[in-house]
Amino acid sequence: MNAGKYRRILAIESSCDDTACAIVEDGRRVLASVIDSQLDVHARYGGVIPELAARSHVHSVNAVVAEALKQAGMSLADMDAIASTLGPGLLGSLLVGANTAKTLSLLANKPFLGVNHLKAHVASNYLESDLEPPFIGLLVSGGHTQLLQVNAYDDICIVGETLDDAVGEVYDKLAREMGLGFPGGAVLDKLAQAGNAKAFALPVARTKNTYDYSFSGLKTAVLKVWRTEAAPYLSTQTPVPLQLVQDISASFQATVVKTLMRKLRQLSEETDVKTLTLAGGVSANSALRQAFLDLDADGFRIHIPAMRFCTDNAAMVGASAYFNPLSENQLNIDVFSR
């Protein structure tokens, strides 16, 4: 392993629908961070189209790398290593970033470092902070929901994970069903802030493994409420009252947060690890962030990444490449790896 060996790393992230490049020093200091969003490309389809995502990465990746170097006032010669995400993610998208990074490493005669996308989200907590393991981490994104025990930089154990839908996935599916657009997380979060979280009683799933999650039942319950409550308006092509949409959103979001936080707190108390971290795109959710901050009053040590490091970005890839790069026998694209 080469943890901490390379001080200044140029990192590329292209696992899904954002093309990003960053330059990170010592795993914590962000010298440059550039993200080219594909939101406009996919919004009309209500979800990410893999082929369009890969094509957009091909179009943007060189410009994003050039802009990151320009922001930092550096060249490839100033880098100690080049890194990129190798998975999990969309195969075509991953190939664009990985091949670009490997080509740059050959041109500049610099080592190539592969990074696991989920571990990169965990590493977003190291950016511009002095956080060190051990800690308990909650990773919530569009494709994954995991409860993690981080014993050391290179020792991350999955204690529990979703058995079906990930949190971000449920947000997107509900928003699409309710005609609220894509991506659904930010839209539902905003609506929930003006709603009554106690308007509708929704289920919290029980799982065989105490620390696993399940959100498919909650998704079905919310859809049933929506179809029942909105039916009179939809059948007559009358606009659904905003308050109803807000109340459904608030009830759903409150149940999600309660489910996530209950198991997180239980694991912390069982292991006596009082430092808790949040990561992944859904960590930008206002209710979840507030629930984390509220734990500070109970004696927990809380760490949440800055908003710009919550969604997919290359700075977290640079941090992970410094603290927890993949070993030589793992340097292959793997869309299914953890």
C-alpha atoms as a PDB file:
ATOM      1  CA  MET A   1       0.000   0.000   0.000  1.00  0.00           C
ATOM      2  CA  ASN A   2       1.131   3.551  -0.715  1.00  0.00           C
ATOM      3  CA  ALA A   3      -0.908   5.441   1.903  1.00  0.00           C
ATOM      4  CA  GLY A   4       0.567   8.878   2.484  1.00  0.00           C
ATOM      5  CA  LYS A   5       3.438   8.285   0.076  1.00  0.00           C
ATOM      6  CA  TYR A   6       2.415  10.829  -2.547  1.00  0.00           C
ATOM      7  CA  ARG A   7       1.813  14.349  -1.241  1.00  0.00           C
ATOM      8  CA  ARG A   8       0.297  16.159  -4.222  1.00  0.00           C
ATOM      9  CA  ILE A   9      -2.279  14.233  -6.229  1.00  0.00           C
ATOM     10  CA  LEU A  10      -4.284  15.135  -9.325  1.00  0.00           C
ATOM     11  CA  ALA A  11      -7.552  13.194  -9.115  1.00  0.00           C
ATOM     12  CA  ILE A  12     -10.348  12.521 -11.610  1.00  0.00           C
ATOM     13  CA  GLU A  13     -13.913  11.499 -10.774  1.00  0.00           C
ATOM     14  CA  SER A  14     -16.281  10.237 -13.503  1.00  0.00           C
ATOM     15  CA  SER A  15     -18.226   7.396 -11.899  1.00  0.00           C
ATOM     16  CA  CYS A  16     -21.679   8.693 -12.810  1.00  0.00           C
ATOM     17  CA  ASP A  17     -22.904  11.974 -14.290  1.00  0.00           C
ATOM     18  CA  ASP A  18     -20.396  14.629 -13.181  1.00  0.00           C
ATOM     19  CA  THR A  19     -16.929  15.116 -14.657  1.00  0.00           C
ATOM     20  CA  ALA A  20     -14.553  16.376 -11.983  1.00  0.00           C
ATOM     21  CA  CYS A  21     -10.869  17.014 -11.421  1.00  0.00           C
ATOM     22  CA  ALA A  22      -9.105  18.217  -8.287  1.00  0.00           C
ATOM     23  CA  ILE A  23      -5.616  18.698  -6.927  1.00  0.00           C
ATOM     24  CA  VAL A  24      -5.215  17.702  -3.283  1.00  0.00           C
ATOM     25  CA  GLU A  25      -2.160  18.031  -1.058  1.00  0.00           C
ATOM     26  CA  ASP A  26      -1.468  15.737   1.898  1.00  0.00           C
ATOM     27  CA  GLY A  27      -4.963  14.283   1.611  1.00  0.00           C
ATOM     28  CA  ARG A  28      -6.562  17.348   3.186  1.00  0.00           C
ATOM     29  CA  ARG A  29      -5.694  20.609   1.450  1.00  0.00           C
ATOM     30  CA  VAL A  30      -7.689  21.273  -1.733  1.00  0.00           C
ATOM     31  CA  LEU A  31      -5.594  23.303  -4.180  1.00  0.00           C
ATOM     32  CA  ALA A  32      -8.164  23.139  -6.986  1.00  0.00           C
ATOM     33  CA  SER A  33     -11.564  21.557  -7.566  1.00  0.00           C
ATOM     34  CA  VAL A  34     -13.550  21.662 -10.817  1.00  0.00           C
ATOM     35  CA  ILE A  35     -16.879  19.967 -11.556  1.00  0.00           C
ATOM     36  CA  ASP A  36     -18.735  19.917 -14.868  1.00  0.00           C
ATOM     37  CA  SER A  37     -22.342  18.954 -14.133  1.00  0.00           C
ATOM     38  CA  GLN A  38     -24.473  16.916 -16.535  1.00  0.00           C
ATOM     39  CA  LEU A  39     -27.763  17.834 -14.847  1.00  0.00           C
ATOM     40  CA  ASP A  40     -29.179  19.501 -17.954  1.00  0.00           C
ATOM     41  CA  VAL A  41     -28.282  16.454 -20.058  1.00  0.00           C
ATOM     42  CA  HIS A  42     -30.262  13.978 -17.943  1.00  0.00           C
ATOM     43  CA  ALA A  43     -33.047  16.073 -16.379  1.00  0.00           C
ATOM     44  CA  ARG A  44     -35.372  15.643 -19.359  1.00  0.00           C
ATOM     45  CA  TYR A  45     -35.243  11.855 -18.930  1.00  0.00           C
ATOM     46  CA  GLY A  46     -35.892  11.799 -15.184  1.00  0.00           C
ATOM     47  CA  GLY A  47     -32.683   9.897 -14.505  1.00  0.00           C
ATOM     48  CA  VAL A  48     -29.119   9.300 -15.649  1.00  0.00           C
ATOM     49  CA  ILE A  49     -28.708   7.759 -19.111  1.00  0.00           C
ATOM     50  CA  PRO A  50     -25.386   5.823 -19.040  1.00  0.00           C
ATOM     51  CA  GLU A  51     -24.527   6.281 -22.730  1.00  0.00           C
ATOM     52  CA  LEU A  52     -25.135  10.032 -22.599  1.00  0.00           C
ATOM     53  CA  ALA A  53     -23.131  10.278 -19.381  1.00  0.00           C
ATOM     54  CA  ALA A  54     -20.104   8.564 -20.953  1.00  0.00           C
ATOM     55  CA  ARG A  55     -20.244  10.788 -24.032  1.00  0.00           C
ATOM     56  CA  SER A  56     -20.439  13.894 -21.891  1.00  0.00           C
ATOM     57  CA  HIS A  57     -17.380  12.775 -19.909  1.00  0.00           C
ATOM     58  CA  VAL A  58     -15.414  12.346 -23.159  1.00  0.00           C
ATOM     59  CA  HIS A  59     -16.395  15.870 -24.166  1.00  0.00           C
ATOM     60  CA  SER A  60     -15.512  17.482 -20.820  1.00  0.00           C
ATOM     61  CA  VAL A  61     -12.661  15.601 -19.173  1.00  0.00           C
ATOM     62  CA  ASN A  62      -9.682  17.319 -20.854  1.00  0.00           C
ATOM     63  CA  ALA A  63     -11.097  20.785 -20.223  1.00  0.00           C
ATOM     64  CA  VAL A  64     -11.831  19.951 -16.582  1.00  0.00           C
ATOM     65  CA  VAL A  65      -8.257  18.711 -16.019  1.00  0.00           C
ATOM     66  CA  ALA A  66      -6.822  21.802 -17.710  1.00  0.00           C
ATOM     67  CA  GLU A  67      -8.968  24.103 -15.568  1.00  0.00           C
ATOM     68  CA  ALA A  68      -7.918  22.366 -12.337  1.00  0.00           C
ATOM     69  CA  LEU A  69      -4.232  22.786 -13.214  1.00  0.00           C
ATOM     70  CA  LYS A  70      -4.887  26.419 -14.102  1.00  0.00           C
ATOM     71  CA  GLN A  71      -6.673  27.081 -10.792  1.00  0.00           C
ATOM     72  CA  ALA A  72      -3.755  25.607  -8.863  1.00  0.00           C
ATOM     73  CA  GLY A  73      -1.181  27.390 -11.008  1.00  0.00           C
ATOM     74  CA  MET A  74       0.594  24.083 -11.603  1.00  0.00           C
ATOM     75  CA  SER A  75       1.479  21.557 -14.279  1.00  0.00           C
ATOM     76  CA  LEU A  76       1.520  17.764 -14.383  1.00  0.00           C
ATOM     77  CA  ALA A  77       5.196  17.909 -13.508  1.00  0.00           C
ATOM     78  CA  ASP A  78       4.254  19.336 -10.115  1.00  0.00           C
ATOM     79  CA  MET A  79       2.132  16.278  -9.248  1.00  0.00           C
ATOM     80  CA  ASP A  80       3.421  13.301  -7.281  1.00  0.00           C
ATOM     81  CA  ALA A  81       0.701  10.934  -8.535  1.00  0.00           C
ATOM     82  CA  ILE A  82      -2.432  10.750 -10.710  1.00  0.00           C
ATOM     83  CA  ALA A  83      -5.617   9.106  -9.406  1.00  0.00           C
ATOM     84  CA  SER A  84      -9.095   8.209 -10.568  1.00  0.00           C
ATOM     85  CA  THR A  85     -12.187   6.327  -9.429  1.00  0.00           C
ATOM     86  CA  LEU A  86     -12.278   2.682 -10.561  1.00  0.00           C
ATOM     87  CA  GLY A  87     -15.700   1.757  -9.171  1.00  0.00           C
ATOM     88  CA  PRO A  88     -18.407   1.249  -8.350  1.00  0.00           C
ATOM     89  CA  GLY A  89     -20.175   3.273 -11.010  1.00  0.00           C
ATOM     90  CA  LEU A  90     -21.272   3.317 -14.640  1.00  0.00           C
ATOM     91  CA  LEU A  91     -18.832   1.287 -16.740  1.00  0.00           C
ATOM     92  CA  GLY A  92     -18.580   3.715 -19.660  1.00  0.00           C
ATOM     93  CA  SER A  93     -18.186   6.701 -17.380  1.00  0.00           C
ATOM     94  CA  LEU A  94     -15.524   5.016 -15.255  1.00  0.00           C
ATOM     95  CA  LEU A  95     -13.520   4.088 -18.330  1.00  0.00           C
ATOM     96  CA  VAL A  96     -13.303   7.700 -19.471  1.00  0.00           C
ATOM     97  CA  GLY A  97     -11.869   8.952 -16.185  1.00  0.00           C
ATOM     98  CA  ALA A  98      -9.590   5.965 -15.623  1.00  0.00           C
ATOM     99  CA  ASN A  99      -8.141   5.986 -19.142  1.00  0.00           C
ATOM    100  CA  THR A 100      -7.550   9.735 -18.952  1.00  0.00           C
ATOM    101  CA  ALA A 101      -5.781   9.400 -15.597  1.00  0.00           C
ATOM    102  CA  LYS A 102      -3.660   6.466 -16.758  1.00  0.00           C
ATOM    103  CA  THR A 103      -2.686   8.347 -19.919  1.00  0.00           C
ATOM    104  CA  LEU A 104      -1.660  11.401 -17.888  1.00  0.00           C
ATOM    105  CA  SER A 105       0.357   9.193 -15.536  1.00  0.00           C
ATOM    106  CA  LEU A 106       2.267   7.751 -18.510  1.00  0.00           C
ATOM    107  CA  LEU A 107       2.838  11.138 -20.127  1.00  0.00           C
ATOM    108  CA  ALA A 108       4.104  12.690 -16.897  1.00  0.00           C
ATOM    109  CA  ASN A 109       5.856   9.520 -15.656  1.00  0.00           C
ATOM    110  CA  LYS A 110       3.867   9.649 -12.422  1.00  0.00           C
ATOM    111  CA  PRO A 111       2.350   6.720 -10.455  1.00  0.00           C
ATOM    112  CA  PHE A 112      -1.305   5.893 -11.033  1.00  0.00           C
ATOM    113  CA  LEU A 113      -3.544   5.376  -7.979  1.00  0.00           C
ATOM    114  CA  GLY A 114      -6.969   3.728  -8.182  1.00  0.00           C
ATOM    115  CA  VAL A 115      -9.751   4.668  -5.777  1.00  0.00           C
ATOM    116  CA  ASN A 116     -12.966   3.031  -4.606  1.00  0.00           C
ATOM    117  CA  HIS A 117     -15.815   5.503  -5.025  1.00  0.00           C
ATOM    118  CA  LEU A 118     -17.509   4.715  -1.715  1.00  0.00           C
ATOM    119  CA  LYS A 119     -14.267   4.968   0.248  1.00  0.00           C
ATOM    120  CA  ALA A 120     -13.731   8.305  -1.471  1.00  0.00           C
ATOM    121  CA  HIS A 121     -17.023   9.556  -0.038  1.00  0.00           C
ATOM    122  CA  VAL A 122     -15.800   8.522   3.413  1.00  0.00           C
ATOM    123  CA  ALA A 123     -12.529  10.370   2.746  1.00  0.00           C
ATOM    124  CA  SER A 124     -14.453  13.577   1.973  1.00  0.00           C
ATOM    125  CA  ASN A 125     -14.513  14.015   5.763  1.00  0.00           C
ATOM    126  CA  TYR A 126     -10.717  14.420   5.784  1.00  0.00           C
ATOM    127  CA  LEU A 127     -10.791  17.405   3.440  1.00  0.00           C
ATOM    128  CA  GLU A 128      -9.965  20.685   5.145  1.00  0.00           C
ATOM    129  CA  SER A 129     -10.223  18.996   8.570  1.00  0.00           C
ATOM    130  CA  ASP A 130      -8.093  17.211  11.147  1.00  0.00           C
ATOM    131  CA  LEU A 131     -10.446  14.217  11.510  1.00  0.00           C
ATOM    132  CA  GLU A 132      -8.735  10.898  12.189  1.00  0.00           C
ATOM    133  CA  PRO A 133     -10.074   7.349  12.689  1.00  0.00           C
ATOM    134  CA  PRO A 134     -11.605   5.615  14.513  1.00  0.00           C
ATOM    135  CA  PHE A 135     -15.158   6.744  13.808  1.00  0.00           C
ATOM    136  CA  ILE A 136     -18.574   5.467  12.777  1.00  0.00           C
ATOM    137  CA  GLY A 137     -19.646   6.600   9.320  1.00  0.00           C
ATOM    138  CA  LEU A 138     -23.020   6.851   7.631  1.00  0.00           C
ATOM    139  CA  LEU A 139     -22.763   6.837   3.834  1.00  0.00           C
ATOM    140  CA  VAL A 140     -25.931   7.822   1.989  1.00  0.00           C
ATOM    141  CA  SER A 141     -26.048   8.355  -1.761  1.00  0.00           C
ATOM    142  CA  GLY A 142     -28.135   7.696  -4.831  1.00  0.00           C
ATOM    143  CA  GLY A 143     -26.922   4.124  -5.115  1.00  0.00           C
ATOM    144  CA  HIS A 144     -25.737   3.165  -1.642  1.00  0.00           C
ATOM    145  CA  THR A 145     -26.745   3.366   2.004  1.00  0.00           C
ATOM    146  CA  GLN A 146     -24.128   1.945   4.371  1.00  0.00           C
ATOM    147  CA  LEU A 147     -23.264   2.021   8.055  1.00  0.00           C
ATOM    148  CA  LEU A 148     -19.482   1.841   8.423  1.00  0.00           C
ATOM    149  CA  GLN A 149     -16.985   1.246  11.192  1.00  0.00           C
ATOM    150  CA  VAL A 150     -13.764   3.038  10.255  1.00  0.00           C
ATOM    151  CA  ASN A 151     -10.997   1.636  12.455  1.00  0.00           C
ATOM    152  CA  ALA A 152      -8.103   3.127  10.464  1.00  0.00           C
ATOM    153  CA  TYR A 153      -7.603   4.943   7.177  1.00  0.00           C
ATOM    154  CA  ASP A 154      -7.280   1.603   5.369  1.00  0.00           C
ATOM    155  CA  ASP A 155      -9.580  -0.439   7.623  1.00  0.00           C
ATOM    156  CA  ILE A 156     -13.244   0.243   6.786  1.00  0.00           C
ATOM    157  CA  CYS A 157     -15.860  -2.369   7.717  1.00  0.00           C
ATOM    158  CA  ILE A 158     -19.417  -2.415   6.358  1.00  0.00           C
ATOM    159  CA  VAL A 159     -21.566  -3.146   9.419  1.00  0.00           C
ATOM    160  CA  GLY A 160     -24.905  -2.675   7.688  1.00  0.00           C
ATOM    161  CA  GLU A 161     -26.317  -1.609   4.320  1.00  0.00           C
ATOM    162  CA  THR A 162     -29.567  -1.330   2.451  1.00  0.00           C
ATOM    163  CA  LEU A 163     -31.186  -4.580   1.372  1.00  0.00           C
ATOM    164  CA  ASP A 164     -33.044  -2.893  -1.468  1.00  0.00           C
ATOM    165  CA  ASP A 165     -33.429   0.767  -2.418  1.00  0.00           C
ATOM    166  CA  ALA A 166     -30.796   3.299  -1.381  1.00  0.00           C
ATOM    167  CA  VAL A 167     -32.022   6.522   0.234  1.00  0.00           C
ATOM    168  CA  GLY A 168     -31.157   8.730  -2.735  1.00  0.00           C
ATOM    169  CA  GLU A 169     -32.800   6.270  -5.096  1.00  0.00           C
ATOM    170  CA  VAL A 170     -36.069   6.479  -3.146  1.00  0.00           C
ATOM    171  CA  TYR A 171     -35.990  10.274  -3.241  1.00  0.00           C
ATOM    172  CA  ASP A 172     -35.596  10.229  -7.019  1.00  0.00           C
ATOM    173  CA  LYS A 173     -38.329   7.619  -7.573  1.00  0.00           C
ATOM    174  CA  LEU A 174     -40.834   9.472  -5.390  1.00  0.00           C
ATOM    175  CA  ALA A 175     -40.064  12.824  -6.999  1.00  0.00           C
ATOM    176  CA  ARG A 176     -40.543  11.308 -10.444  1.00  0.00           C
ATOM    177  CA  GLU A 177     -43.892   9.739  -9.442  1.00  0.00           C
ATOM    178  CA  MET A 178     -45.056  13.045  -7.969  1.00  0.00           C
ATOM    179  CA  GLY A 179     -44.014  14.979 -11.055  1.00  0.00           C
ATOM    180  CA  LEU A 180     -41.407  17.038  -9.212  1.00  0.00           C
ATOM    181  CA  GLY A 181     -38.488  16.513 -11.582  1.00  0.00           C
ATOM    182  CA  PHE A 182     -34.925  15.200 -11.322  1.00  0.00           C
ATOM    183  CA  PRO A 183     -32.874  14.971  -9.198  1.00  0.00           C
ATOM    184  CA  GLY A 184     -35.452  14.460  -6.483  1.00  0.00           C
ATOM    185  CA  GLY A 185     -33.388  14.885  -3.337  1.00  0.00           C
ATOM    186  CA  ALA A 186     -33.080  18.660  -3.306  1.00  0.00           C
ATOM    187  CA  VAL A 187     -36.687  19.200  -4.447  1.00  0.00           C
ATOM    188  CA  LEU A 188     -38.255  16.966  -1.789  1.00  0.00           C
ATOM    189  CA  ASP A 189     -35.952  18.379   0.884  1.00  0.00           C
ATOM    190  CA  LYS A 190     -37.082  21.927   0.113  1.00  0.00           C
ATOM    191  CA  LEU A 191     -40.756  20.945   0.109  1.00  0.00           C
ATOM    192  CA  ALA A 192     -40.347  19.015   3.368  1.00  0.00           C
ATOM    193  CA  GLN A 193     -39.054  22.098   5.167  1.00  0.00           C
ATOM    194  CA  ALA A 194     -42.484  23.729   4.815  1.00  0.00           C
ATOM    195  CA  GLY A 195     -44.524  20.593   5.587  1.00  0.00           C
ATOM    196  CA  ASN A 196     -45.955  18.816   8.622  1.00  0.00           C
ATOM    197  CA  ALA A 197     -43.751  15.813   9.401  1.00  0.00           C
ATOM    198  CA  LYS A 198     -46.548  14.238  11.455  1.00  0.00           C
ATOM    199  CA  ALA A 199     -49.209  14.489   8.767  1.00  0.00           C
ATOM    200  CA  PHE A 200     -48.863  10.852   7.686  1.00  0.00           C
ATOM    201  CA  ALA A 201     -47.737   7.824   9.713  1.00  0.00           C
ATOM    202  CA  LEU A 202     -45.170   5.870   7.722  1.00  0.00           C
ATOM    203  CA  PRO A 203     -43.431   2.551   8.524  1.00  0.00           C
ATOM    204  CA  VAL A 204     -39.878   1.998   9.747  1.00  0.00           C
ATOM    205  CA  ALA A 205     -38.644  -1.350   8.439  1.00  0.00           C
ATOM    206  CA  ARG A 206     -37.223  -4.060  10.681  1.00  0.00           C
ATOM    207  CA  THR A 207     -34.336  -6.144   9.340  1.00  0.00           C
ATOM    208  CA  LYS A 208     -32.799  -9.462  10.359  1.00  0.00           C
ATOM    209  CA  ASN A 209     -29.400  -7.834  10.784  1.00  0.00           C
ATOM    210  CA  THR A 210     -29.834  -5.013  13.305  1.00  0.00           C
ATOM    211  CA  TYR A 211     -27.751  -2.598  11.244  1.00  0.00           C
ATOM    212  CA  ASP A 212     -29.109  -3.285   7.758  1.00  0.00           C
ATOM    213  CA  TYR A 213     -31.584  -0.894   6.156  1.00  0.00           C
ATOM    214  CA  SER A 214     -34.644  -1.399   3.982  1.00  0.00           C
ATOM    215  CA  PHE A 215     -36.483   1.417   2.244  1.00  0.00           C
ATOM    216  CA  SER A 216     -38.638  -0.348  -0.361  1.00  0.00           C
ATOM    217  CA  GLY A 217     -41.547  -0.667   2.081  1.00  0.00           C
ATOM    218  CA  LEU A 218     -41.338   3.020   2.957  1.00  0.00           C
ATOM    219  CA  LYS A 219     -41.274   3.897  -0.739  1.00  0.00           C
ATOM    220  CA  THR A 220     -44.396   1.797  -1.353  1.00  0.00           C
ATOM    221  CA  ALA A 221     -46.176   3.366   1.629  1.00  0.00           C
ATOM    222  CA  VAL A 222     -45.439   6.912   0.438  1.00  0.00           C
ATOM    223  CA  LEU A 223     -46.575   6.080  -3.078  1.00  0.00           C
ATOM    224  CA  LYS A 224     -49.834   4.691  -1.664  1.00  0.00           C
ATOM    225  CA  VAL A 225     -50.417   7.894   0.308  1.00  0.00           C
ATOM    226  CA  TRP A 226     -49.666  10.010  -2.739  1.00  0.00           C
ATOM    227  CA  ARG A 227     -51.928   8.051  -5.089  1.00  0.00           C
ATOM    228  CA  THR A 228     -54.749   8.071  -2.545  1.00  0.00           C
ATOM    229  CA  GLU A 229     -54.526  11.699  -1.472  1.00  0.00           C
ATOM    230  CA  ALA A 230     -53.753  13.140  -4.891  1.00  0.00           C
ATOM    231  CA  ALA A 231     -56.260  11.003  -6.830  1.00  0.00           C
ATOM    232  CA  PRO A 232     -59.190  13.469  -6.645  1.00  0.00           C
ATOM    233  CA  TYR A 233     -57.024  16.206  -8.100  1.00  0.00           C
ATOM    234  CA  LEU A 234     -55.217  14.140 -10.703  1.00  0.00           C
ATOM    235  CA  SER A 235     -58.465  12.598 -11.986  1.00  0.00           C
ATOM    236  CA  THR A 236     -59.893  16.046 -12.683  1.00  0.00           C
ATOM    237  CA  GLN A 237     -56.572  17.479 -13.889  1.00  0.00           C
ATOM    238  CA  THR A 238     -56.610  19.916 -10.985  1.00  0.00           C
ATOM    239  CA  PRO A 239     -53.307  20.999  -9.418  1.00  0.00           C
ATOM    240  CA  VAL A 240     -52.486  19.044  -6.258  1.00  0.00           C
ATOM    241  CA  PRO A 241     -52.453  21.450  -3.277  1.00  0.00           C
ATOM    242  CA  LEU A 242     -48.936  22.514  -2.398  1.00  0.00           C
ATOM    243  CA  GLN A 243     -49.554  21.853   1.299  1.00  0.00           C
ATOM    244  CA  LEU A 244     -50.373  18.207   0.580  1.00  0.00           C
ATOM    245  CA  VAL A 245     -47.141  17.778  -1.370  1.00  0.00           C
ATOM    246  CA  GLN A 246     -45.197  19.455   1.430  1.00  0.00           C
ATOM    247  CA  ASP A 247     -46.790  17.287   4.124  1.00  0.00           C
ATOM    248  CA  ILE A 248     -46.083  14.049   2.251  1.00  0.00           C
ATOM    249  CA  SER A 249     -42.482  15.165   1.646  1.00  0.00           C
ATOM    250  CA  ALA A 250     -42.007  16.113   5.313  1.00  0.00           C
ATOM    251  CA  SER A 251     -43.487  12.850   6.610  1.00  0.00           C
ATOM    252  CA  PHE A 252     -41.294  10.830   4.278  1.00  0.00           C
ATOM    253  CA  GLN A 253     -38.122  12.745   5.089  1.00  0.00           C
ATOM    254  CA  ALA A 254     -38.691  12.551   8.847  1.00  0.00           C
ATOM    255  CA  THR A 255     -39.086   8.767   8.615  1.00  0.00           C
ATOM    256  CA  VAL A 256     -35.894   8.418   6.571  1.00  0.00           C
ATOM    257  CA  VAL A 257     -33.897  10.477   9.049  1.00  0.00           C
ATOM    258  CA  LYS A 258     -35.324   8.594  12.047  1.00  0.00           C
ATOM    259  CA  THR A 259     -34.441   5.259  10.447  1.00  0.00           C
ATOM    260  CA  LEU A 260     -30.888   6.291   9.587  1.00  0.00           C
ATOM    261  CA  MET A 261     -30.087   7.966  12.894  1.00  0.00           C
ATOM    262  CA  ARG A 262     -31.523   5.259  15.144  1.00  0.00           C
ATOM    263  CA  LYS A 263     -29.153   2.590  13.849  1.00  0.00           C
ATOM    264  CA  LEU A 264     -26.197   4.942  13.670  1.00  0.00           C
ATOM    265  CA  ARG A 265     -26.609   5.902  17.300  1.00  0.00           C
ATOM    266  CA  GLN A 266     -27.116   2.282  18.347  1.00  0.00           C
ATOM    267  CA  LEU A 267     -23.863   1.211  16.672  1.00  0.00           C
ATOM    268  CA  SER A 268     -21.980   4.093  18.265  1.00  0.00           C
ATOM    269  CA  GLU A 269     -23.207   3.161  21.722  1.00  0.00           C
ATOM    270  CA  GLU A 270     -22.509  -0.550  21.206  1.00  0.00           C
ATOM    271  CA  THR A 271     -18.911   0.048  20.036  1.00  0.00           C
ATOM    272  CA  ASP A 272     -18.300   3.032  22.332  1.00  0.00           C
ATOM    273  CA  VAL A 273     -17.059   5.051  19.361  1.00  0.00           C
ATOM    274  CA  LYS A 274     -18.395   8.566  19.840  1.00  0.00           C
ATOM    275  CA  THR A 275     -17.074  10.199  16.670  1.00  0.00           C
ATOM    276  CA  LEU A 276     -19.712  10.122  13.913  1.00  0.00           C
ATOM    277  CA  THR A 277     -19.364  11.160  10.273  1.00  0.00           C
ATOM    278  CA  LEU A 278     -21.707  11.651   7.350  1.00  0.00           C
ATOM    279  CA  ALA A 279     -20.894  11.224   3.649  1.00  0.00           C
ATOM    280  CA  GLY A 280     -22.458  10.817   0.208  1.00  0.00           C
ATOM    281  CA  GLY A 281     -24.769  12.960  -1.876  1.00  0.00           C
ATOM    282  CA  VAL A 282     -27.682  12.682   0.558  1.00  0.00           C
ATOM    283  CA  SER A 283     -25.455  14.186   3.269  1.00  0.00           C
ATOM    284  CA  ALA A 284     -26.471  17.532   1.738  1.00  0.00           C
ATOM    285  CA  ASN A 285     -30.017  16.925   3.021  1.00  0.00           C
ATOM    286  CA  SER A 286     -30.957  19.643   5.520  1.00  0.00           C
ATOM    287  CA  ALA A 287     -32.902  17.420   7.938  1.00  0.00           C
ATOM    288  CA  LEU A 288     -30.196  14.745   8.059  1.00  0.00           C
ATOM    289  CA  ARG A 289     -27.446  17.315   8.624  1.00  0.00           C
ATOM    290  CA  GLN A 290     -29.455  18.895  11.444  1.00  0.00           C
ATOM    291  CA  ALA A 291     -30.080  15.515  13.056  1.00  0.00           C
ATOM    292  CA  PHE A 292     -26.322  14.938  13.038  1.00  0.00           C
ATOM    293  CA  LEU A 293     -25.583  18.340  14.533  1.00  0.00           C
ATOM    294  CA  ASP A 294     -28.166  17.750  17.263  1.00  0.00           C
ATOM    295  CA  LEU A 295     -26.121  14.775  18.490  1.00  0.00           C
ATOM    296  CA  ASP A 296     -23.384  17.148  19.593  1.00  0.00           C
ATOM    297  CA  ALA A 297     -25.477  18.078  22.628  1.00  0.00           C
ATOM    298  CA  ASP A 298     -25.473  14.409  23.691  1.00  0.00           C
ATOM    299  CA  GLY A 299     -21.703  14.151  23.860  1.00  0.00           C
ATOM    300  CA  PHE A 300     -21.026  12.810  20.360  1.00  0.00           C
ATOM    301  CA  ARG A 301     -18.251  14.279  18.208  1.00  0.00           C
ATOM    302  CA  ILE A 302     -19.759  15.138  14.837  1.00  0.00           C
ATOM    303  CA  HIS A 303     -18.123  15.686  11.472  1.00  0.00           C
ATOM    304  CA  ILE A 304     -19.947  16.552   8.249  1.00  0.00           C
ATOM    305  CA  PRO A 305     -18.198  17.447   4.962  1.00  0.00           C
ATOM    306  CA  ALA A 306     -18.635  20.926   3.516  1.00  0.00           C
ATOM    307  CA  MET A 307     -21.553  21.059   1.080  1.00  0.00           C
ATOM    308  CA  ARG A 308     -19.230  21.207  -1.941  1.00  0.00           C
ATOM    309  CA  PHE A 309     -17.722  17.862  -0.932  1.00  0.00           C
ATOM    310  CA  CYS A 310     -21.037  16.017  -0.382  1.00  0.00           C
ATOM    311  CA  THR A 311     -21.981  15.156  -3.946  1.00  0.00           C
ATOM    312  CA  ASP A 312     -19.564  13.468  -6.368  1.00  0.00           C
ATOM    313  CA  ASN A 313     -16.323  15.451  -6.626  1.00  0.00           C
ATOM    314  CA  ALA A 314     -12.672  14.754  -7.354  1.00  0.00           C
ATOM    315  CA  ALA A 315     -11.294  16.263  -4.137  1.00  0.00           C
ATOM    316  CA  MET A 316     -12.610  13.279  -2.192  1.00  0.00           C
ATOM    317  CA  VAL A 317     -10.895  10.999  -4.733  1.00  0.00           C
ATOM    318  CA  GLY A 318      -7.612  12.795  -4.095  1.00  0.00           C
ATOM    319  CA  ALA A 319      -8.053  12.405  -0.337  1.00  0.00           C
ATOM    320  CA  SER A 320      -8.829   8.704  -0.672  1.00  0.00           C
ATOM    321  CA  ALA A 321      -5.851   8.209  -3.003  1.00  0.00           C
ATOM    322  CA  TYR A 322      -3.626   9.669  -0.303  1.00  0.00           C
ATOM    323  CA  PHE A 323      -5.040   7.780   2.680  1.00  0.00           C
ATOM    324  CA  ASN A 324      -6.480   4.610   1.160  1.00  0.00           C
ATOM    325  CA  PRO A 325      -5.440   3.814  -2.445  1.00  0.00           C
ATOM    326  CA  LEU A 326      -6.326   0.477  -3.978  1.00  0.00           C
ATOM    327  CA  SER A 327      -3.571  -2.145  -3.989  1.00  0.00           C
ATOM    328  CA  GLU A 328      -1.854  -3.283  -7.198  1.00  0.00           C
ATOM    329  CA  ASN A 329      -4.098  -6.338  -7.610  1.00  0.00           C
ATOM    330  CA  GLN A 330      -7.233  -4.163  -7.404  1.00  0.00           C
ATOM    331  CA  LEU A 331      -6.405  -1.739 -10.205  1.00  0.00           C
ATOM    332  CA  ASN A 332      -9.171  -2.798 -12.568  1.00  0.00           C
ATOM    333  CA  ILE A 333     -12.522  -1.210 -13.336  1.00  0.00           C
ATOM    334  CA  ASP A 334     -15.128  -2.831 -11.105  1.00  0.00           C
ATOM    335  CA  VAL A 335     -18.681  -1.513 -11.305  1.00  0.00           C
ATOM    336  CA  PHE A 336     -19.860  -3.818  -8.534  1.00  0.00           C
ATOM    337  CA  SER A 337     -17.087  -3.550  -5.937  1.00  0.00           C
ATOM    338  CA  ARG A 338     -17.684  -2.039  -2.518  1.00  0.00           C
END
